[in-house]
Amino acid sequence: MDAVELPVVVGVDGSDAASDALDWAAEMAGRRGLPLRVVHASLWERYEGYIPGTAADRPAERLHSEAVLATAAERAGRRVPALKVMTDLAADDAVTALLRAGKSAEALVVGSRGRGEFASLLLGSVGLGIAARAQCPVVVVRGRPENVCGGMNRVVVGIAERERQGEREPAPPSAAVAFALREARLRGGELEAVHAWRCAGPEDHGKPGNHGGREARGAHEEQGAREANGTRETHGAREPHGARETQSAREAHERRAAELLDETLGGATAAGLPPVPVAHRPVEGSARKALLDASAHADLLVVGARRRQGHFGMQLGLVNHAVLHHAKCPVAVVPVS
């Protein structure tokens, strides 16, 4: 039996941001050989009890919705001439309509804000609501024109500490890594895998991102045995307290961060995913800053978002919130169960 061909779904409302999202979605569907489904949500039909009639009988709201969809379909066809385009006028609010469409979609693509959003908002409520709850990857098209247009030839993926699942066997690639690898391959670009780490204090051991393992704990325990003196001796010289331990811990954390990247991308290779040029970038500092910095030279930033069964609230996390609001390029949020 042939696999079901899921479309790329894009939400449109006639705004400039939606037009950018439409262009991006059309190109994504074209690269993947998939149809494009264009969705426009309008609540007026539900409240007015619309009955189809002649053009003269149709209310102005209906005519506007049909014009939005027709214009979008024509634009997508010009953008990618061989693309199969479908349109859908949904009698619902935008978030509900797109979440429903996302249940049978390869990906959902939305603009950073819509026609009804205040200019001061960094990310529209529609984009945020969909990115936080969709069951498929969501791409929020935002950032500088040169990044949105794909001029950087690079996809960036954030690698979280919790993705490390084993010491001996390569971990299977997360959904976010697999999505990023495929997008980089289809674009003919490189993948940059970013993992942020920081040199933690003794009270931080065991927290995600601190690499507070046995090697790091040993360094701090050794340091504690010498705290009474305030200094330690090294080859006959006396250093300020903690200087050598801090450097040793930093080197250990950086080494473990590099190992994490090797393991994560090694798992992707073992899973048979097509190879692409990969740059491993362990970064000392916050994940937020590392990913925002990386977004400046990327066509797409990919992050994972855990979906907890039975939890219906916003499921994004602080780092994902930050990149959705401030990234210099489009952001893909890939759900991880």
Protein backbone atom coordinates (compact mmCIF):
# COMPACT_ATOMS: atom_id res chain seq x y z
CA MET A 1 0.00 0.00 0.00
CA ASP A 2 1.34 3.41 -0.95
CA ALA A 3 2.08 5.84 1.86
CA VAL A 4 -0.37 8.69 2.29
CA GLU A 5 1.03 11.91 0.83
CA LEU A 6 0.55 14.58 3.49
CA PRO A 7 0.47 18.20 2.32
CA VAL A 8 2.34 21.21 3.60
CA VAL A 9 -0.32 23.45 5.19
CA VAL A 10 -0.06 27.24 5.29
CA GLY A 11 -2.37 29.73 6.94
CA VAL A 12 -3.19 32.93 5.02
CA ASP A 13 -5.16 36.05 5.89
CA GLY A 14 -4.11 38.54 3.23
CA SER A 15 -1.33 40.14 5.31
CA ASP A 16 2.26 40.68 4.17
CA ALA A 17 3.48 38.23 6.82
CA ALA A 18 1.09 35.58 5.49
CA SER A 19 2.37 36.19 1.95
CA ASP A 20 5.92 35.52 3.17
CA ALA A 21 4.70 32.33 4.84
CA LEU A 22 2.91 31.29 1.64
CA ASP A 23 6.08 31.72 -0.44
CA TRP A 24 8.11 29.77 2.12
CA ALA A 25 5.54 26.97 2.31
CA ALA A 26 5.26 26.70 -1.47
CA GLU A 27 9.01 26.27 -1.79
CA MET A 28 9.07 23.72 1.02
CA ALA A 29 6.30 21.70 -0.65
CA GLY A 30 8.11 21.94 -3.98
CA ARG A 31 11.38 20.67 -2.49
CA ARG A 32 9.60 17.73 -0.88
CA GLY A 33 7.38 16.92 -3.86
CA LEU A 34 4.22 17.44 -1.81
CA PRO A 35 0.97 19.32 -2.42
CA LEU A 36 0.28 22.64 -0.72
CA ARG A 37 -2.92 23.19 1.24
CA VAL A 38 -3.81 26.86 1.76
CA VAL A 39 -6.13 27.51 4.72
CA HIS A 40 -8.06 30.69 5.47
CA ALA A 41 -10.15 30.77 8.65
CA SER A 42 -13.29 32.87 8.94
CA LEU A 43 -15.80 32.75 11.77
CA TRP A 44 -18.55 34.71 10.06
CA GLU A 45 -20.02 31.64 8.29
CA ARG A 46 -20.60 29.87 11.59
CA TYR A 47 -22.45 32.84 13.05
CA GLU A 48 -24.38 33.86 9.91
CA GLY A 49 -25.42 30.34 8.82
CA TYR A 50 -24.14 30.85 5.27
CA ILE A 51 -26.02 29.10 2.44
CA PRO A 52 -24.20 29.02 -0.94
CA GLY A 53 -25.79 31.14 -3.65
CA THR A 54 -24.90 33.28 -6.61
CA ALA A 55 -22.06 35.79 -6.48
CA ALA A 56 -24.56 38.61 -6.04
CA ASP A 57 -26.04 36.86 -2.98
CA ARG A 58 -22.75 36.19 -1.24
CA PRO A 59 -21.94 38.50 1.67
CA ALA A 60 -18.86 40.74 1.49
CA GLU A 61 -17.08 38.62 4.12
CA ARG A 62 -17.46 35.49 2.00
CA LEU A 63 -16.26 37.29 -1.12
CA HIS A 64 -13.24 38.59 0.78
CA SER A 65 -12.35 35.10 2.05
CA GLU A 66 -12.66 33.62 -1.42
CA ALA A 67 -10.48 36.40 -2.83
CA VAL A 68 -7.80 35.78 -0.18
CA LEU A 69 -7.67 32.08 -1.08
CA ALA A 70 -7.76 32.66 -4.85
CA THR A 71 -4.96 35.22 -4.66
CA ALA A 72 -2.89 32.92 -2.45
CA ALA A 73 -3.34 29.93 -4.77
CA GLU A 74 -2.36 32.00 -7.79
CA ARG A 75 0.72 33.35 -6.00
CA ALA A 76 1.84 29.87 -4.92
CA GLY A 77 1.40 28.57 -8.46
CA ARG A 78 3.59 31.35 -9.82
CA ARG A 79 6.19 30.70 -7.15
CA VAL A 80 6.43 26.96 -7.85
CA PRO A 81 4.81 26.29 -11.26
CA ALA A 82 4.43 22.50 -10.96
CA LEU A 83 2.96 22.68 -7.45
CA LYS A 84 -0.42 21.11 -6.68
CA VAL A 85 -2.38 23.69 -4.65
CA MET A 86 -5.56 23.05 -2.65
CA THR A 87 -7.59 25.69 -0.81
CA ASP A 88 -9.71 25.42 2.31
CA LEU A 89 -12.08 28.03 3.75
CA ALA A 90 -12.55 27.00 7.39
CA ALA A 91 -15.49 28.27 9.45
CA ASP A 92 -13.49 28.58 12.65
CA ASP A 93 -10.87 30.67 14.39
CA ALA A 94 -7.39 30.50 12.90
CA VAL A 95 -5.71 28.52 15.69
CA THR A 96 -8.42 25.84 15.83
CA ALA A 97 -8.58 25.53 12.03
CA LEU A 98 -4.83 25.20 11.59
CA LEU A 99 -4.39 22.79 14.50
CA ARG A 100 -7.07 20.60 12.93
CA ALA A 101 -5.35 20.81 9.54
CA GLY A 102 -2.03 19.98 11.18
CA LYS A 103 -3.29 16.55 12.25
CA SER A 104 -2.87 15.42 8.64
CA ALA A 105 0.02 17.61 7.49
CA GLU A 106 3.71 17.23 6.77
CA ALA A 107 4.21 20.64 8.36
CA LEU A 108 2.31 23.81 9.26
CA VAL A 109 3.65 27.18 8.09
CA VAL A 110 2.46 30.52 9.49
CA GLY A 111 3.59 34.12 9.42
CA SER A 112 5.02 35.90 12.40
CA ARG A 113 1.89 38.02 12.82
CA GLY A 114 -1.41 38.53 11.08
CA ARG A 115 -3.62 41.39 10.00
CA GLY A 116 -5.27 41.71 13.40
CA GLU A 117 -2.09 41.73 15.48
CA PHE A 118 -0.73 44.82 17.17
CA ALA A 119 2.53 46.00 15.60
CA SER A 120 4.21 45.94 19.01
CA LEU A 121 3.73 42.18 19.37
CA LEU A 122 6.87 40.23 18.52
CA LEU A 123 4.96 37.07 17.59
CA GLY A 124 1.28 36.88 16.82
CA SER A 125 -1.09 34.89 19.01
CA VAL A 126 -1.91 32.55 16.10
CA GLY A 127 1.70 31.59 15.48
CA LEU A 128 2.41 31.15 19.17
CA GLY A 129 -0.70 29.07 19.81
CA ILE A 130 0.01 26.76 16.89
CA ALA A 131 3.72 26.33 17.68
CA ALA A 132 2.83 25.42 21.26
CA ARG A 133 0.22 22.77 20.49
CA ALA A 134 0.48 21.37 16.96
CA GLN A 135 1.10 17.65 16.44
CA CYS A 136 3.31 18.24 13.39
CA PRO A 137 6.34 20.50 12.78
CA VAL A 138 5.42 24.19 12.74
CA VAL A 139 7.45 26.79 10.84
CA VAL A 140 7.03 30.41 11.89
CA VAL A 141 8.33 32.55 9.03
CA ARG A 142 10.08 35.54 10.55
CA GLY A 143 13.43 37.32 10.44
CA ARG A 144 15.43 39.35 7.98
CA PRO A 145 14.65 39.18 4.24
CA GLU A 146 18.01 37.60 3.39
CA ASN A 147 17.35 34.81 5.91
CA VAL A 148 13.74 34.25 4.87
CA CYS A 149 14.72 34.04 1.18
CA GLY A 150 17.23 31.25 1.85
CA GLY A 151 20.45 33.08 1.09
CA MET A 152 22.54 31.60 3.91
CA ASN A 153 22.77 27.99 2.68
CA ARG A 154 22.62 26.72 6.27
CA VAL A 155 20.15 25.07 8.63
CA VAL A 156 20.79 25.26 12.39
CA VAL A 157 19.46 22.72 14.90
CA GLY A 158 19.59 23.06 18.66
CA ILE A 159 20.74 19.93 20.50
CA ALA A 160 19.47 19.56 24.07
CA GLU A 161 21.29 17.63 26.79
CA ARG A 162 18.33 15.32 27.38
CA GLU A 163 18.66 13.95 23.84
CA ARG A 164 21.72 12.02 25.01
CA GLN A 165 20.37 8.54 25.65
CA GLY A 166 23.34 6.22 25.86
CA GLU A 167 27.07 5.99 26.40
CA ARG A 168 27.81 3.06 24.09
CA GLU A 169 25.33 2.96 21.21
CA PRO A 170 24.46 5.99 19.05
CA ALA A 171 21.11 7.39 20.14
CA PRO A 172 18.39 7.41 17.48
CA PRO A 173 18.01 10.88 15.96
CA SER A 174 15.35 13.06 17.52
CA ALA A 175 12.50 14.30 15.34
CA ALA A 176 14.09 17.76 15.34
CA VAL A 177 17.46 16.45 14.13
CA ALA A 178 15.84 14.32 11.42
CA PHE A 179 13.77 17.31 10.24
CA ALA A 180 16.83 19.57 10.16
CA LEU A 181 18.96 17.02 8.30
CA ARG A 182 16.30 16.52 5.65
CA GLU A 183 15.76 20.23 5.16
CA ALA A 184 19.52 20.86 4.85
CA ARG A 185 19.85 18.06 2.30
CA LEU A 186 16.92 19.27 0.20
CA ARG A 187 18.30 22.81 0.23
CA GLY A 188 21.77 21.60 -0.75
CA GLY A 189 23.25 23.36 2.29
CA GLU A 190 25.02 22.45 5.50
CA LEU A 191 23.68 21.63 8.94
CA GLU A 192 25.05 23.41 11.99
CA ALA A 193 24.36 21.55 15.24
CA VAL A 194 24.52 23.82 18.28
CA HIS A 195 24.73 22.69 21.89
CA ALA A 196 25.11 25.26 24.65
CA TRP A 197 26.81 24.44 27.93
CA ARG A 198 28.01 26.36 30.95
CA CYS A 199 30.57 25.70 33.63
CA ALA A 200 28.37 25.10 36.66
CA GLY A 201 29.07 25.59 40.31
CA PRO A 202 28.83 22.70 42.81
CA GLU A 203 25.20 23.51 43.57
CA ASP A 204 24.21 23.07 39.91
CA HIS A 205 25.36 19.49 39.35
CA GLY A 206 22.85 17.25 37.71
CA LYS A 207 20.86 20.07 36.12
CA PRO A 208 20.29 19.85 32.35
CA GLY A 209 22.95 21.59 30.32
CA ASN A 210 25.55 21.67 33.10
CA HIS A 211 27.13 18.29 32.28
CA GLY A 212 27.37 17.68 36.00
CA GLY A 213 28.68 14.15 35.70
CA ARG A 214 31.26 12.17 37.63
CA GLU A 215 34.28 13.88 36.11
CA ALA A 216 32.98 17.35 36.89
CA ARG A 217 31.89 16.37 40.40
CA GLY A 218 35.34 14.96 41.10
CA ALA A 219 36.98 18.25 40.23
CA HIS A 220 34.71 20.15 42.61
CA GLU A 221 35.17 17.60 45.41
CA GLU A 222 38.95 17.92 45.06
CA GLN A 223 38.56 21.66 45.13
CA GLY A 224 36.50 21.50 48.34
CA ALA A 225 39.24 19.58 50.15
CA ARG A 226 41.55 22.60 49.71
CA GLU A 227 39.11 25.41 50.46
CA ALA A 228 40.53 26.03 53.92
CA ASN A 229 43.82 27.22 52.42
CA GLY A 230 42.27 29.40 49.72
CA THR A 231 44.99 28.29 47.25
CA ARG A 232 46.40 25.09 45.82
CA GLU A 233 49.91 24.12 44.82
CA THR A 234 50.68 23.19 41.22
CA HIS A 235 54.23 22.13 40.28
CA GLY A 236 55.67 24.22 43.08
CA ALA A 237 53.65 27.37 42.28
CA ARG A 238 50.61 28.67 44.14
CA GLU A 239 47.51 29.58 42.15
CA PRO A 240 44.45 31.54 43.27
CA HIS A 241 41.82 29.23 44.74
CA GLY A 242 39.69 27.49 42.12
CA ALA A 243 41.55 28.69 39.02
CA ARG A 244 42.88 25.29 38.01
CA GLU A 245 39.65 23.49 38.95
CA THR A 246 37.58 25.94 36.94
CA GLN A 247 39.74 25.49 33.87
CA SER A 248 39.68 21.69 34.27
CA ALA A 249 35.91 21.68 34.64
CA ARG A 250 35.50 23.97 31.61
CA GLU A 251 37.61 21.63 29.48
CA ALA A 252 35.59 18.65 30.70
CA HIS A 253 32.28 20.36 29.90
CA GLU A 254 33.46 21.39 26.45
CA ARG A 255 34.67 17.87 25.75
CA ARG A 256 31.37 16.36 26.85
CA ALA A 257 29.42 18.86 24.75
CA ALA A 258 31.46 17.85 21.69
CA GLU A 259 30.79 14.17 22.50
CA LEU A 260 27.06 14.88 22.74
CA LEU A 261 27.06 16.41 19.26
CA ASP A 262 29.06 13.49 17.89
CA GLU A 263 26.63 10.98 19.43
CA THR A 264 23.50 12.80 18.26
CA LEU A 265 24.64 13.20 14.67
CA GLY A 266 26.21 9.74 14.75
CA GLY A 267 22.80 8.35 15.62
CA ALA A 268 21.38 10.05 12.55
CA THR A 269 24.06 8.45 10.38
CA ALA A 270 23.37 5.04 11.91
CA ALA A 271 19.65 5.49 11.16
CA GLY A 272 20.47 5.79 7.46
CA LEU A 273 19.56 9.44 7.01
CA PRO A 274 21.21 10.97 3.94
CA PRO A 275 24.56 12.60 4.77
CA VAL A 276 24.95 16.36 4.63
CA PRO A 277 27.90 18.59 5.58
CA VAL A 278 27.65 19.06 9.35
CA ALA A 279 29.35 21.65 11.56
CA HIS A 280 29.44 20.78 15.28
CA ARG A 281 29.37 23.88 17.49
CA PRO A 282 29.53 23.47 21.26
CA VAL A 283 29.04 26.93 22.80
CA GLU A 284 29.73 28.06 26.35
CA GLY A 285 26.80 30.15 27.54
CA SER A 286 23.01 30.13 27.50
CA ALA A 287 21.08 28.16 24.91
CA ARG A 288 18.98 31.24 24.21
CA LYS A 289 21.97 33.37 23.20
CA ALA A 290 23.70 30.55 21.32
CA LEU A 291 20.65 29.85 19.14
CA LEU A 292 19.81 33.51 18.54
CA ASP A 293 23.41 34.18 17.49
CA ALA A 294 23.33 31.16 15.16
CA SER A 295 20.04 32.31 13.62
CA ALA A 296 21.76 35.36 12.14
CA HIS A 297 23.53 33.20 9.54
CA ALA A 298 20.82 30.55 8.97
CA ASP A 299 17.94 29.97 6.57
CA LEU A 300 16.11 27.97 9.24
CA LEU A 301 16.50 27.33 12.97
CA VAL A 302 15.09 23.99 14.17
CA VAL A 303 14.23 23.30 17.81
CA GLY A 304 12.41 20.46 19.52
CA ALA A 305 9.40 20.90 21.81
CA ARG A 306 8.26 18.15 24.16
CA ARG A 307 4.59 17.24 24.02
CA ARG A 308 3.24 15.71 27.25
CA GLN A 309 0.26 13.40 26.88
CA GLY A 310 -2.85 14.82 28.50
CA HIS A 311 -1.36 18.30 28.89
CA PHE A 312 -3.29 20.92 26.95
CA GLY A 313 -1.48 24.12 27.89
CA MET A 314 1.30 25.92 26.04
CA GLN A 315 4.17 23.45 25.59
CA LEU A 316 7.19 25.40 24.38
CA GLY A 317 9.70 26.26 27.08
CA LEU A 318 11.65 29.47 27.67
CA VAL A 319 14.28 28.93 24.98
CA ASN A 320 11.70 28.19 22.30
CA HIS A 321 9.70 31.24 23.33
CA ALA A 322 12.83 33.36 22.95
CA VAL A 323 13.75 32.14 19.48
CA LEU A 324 10.17 32.44 18.22
CA HIS A 325 10.14 36.08 19.31
CA HIS A 326 13.69 37.14 18.44
CA ALA A 327 15.32 34.83 15.84
CA LYS A 328 16.75 36.42 12.70
CA CYS A 329 15.46 33.56 10.53
CA PRO A 330 12.40 31.31 10.24
CA VAL A 331 11.98 28.91 13.16
CA ALA A 332 10.76 25.29 12.96
CA VAL A 333 9.32 23.86 16.17
CA VAL A 334 9.28 20.06 15.93
CA PRO A 335 7.20 18.16 18.52
CA VAL A 336 9.03 15.46 20.47
CA SER A 337 6.90 12.93 22.33
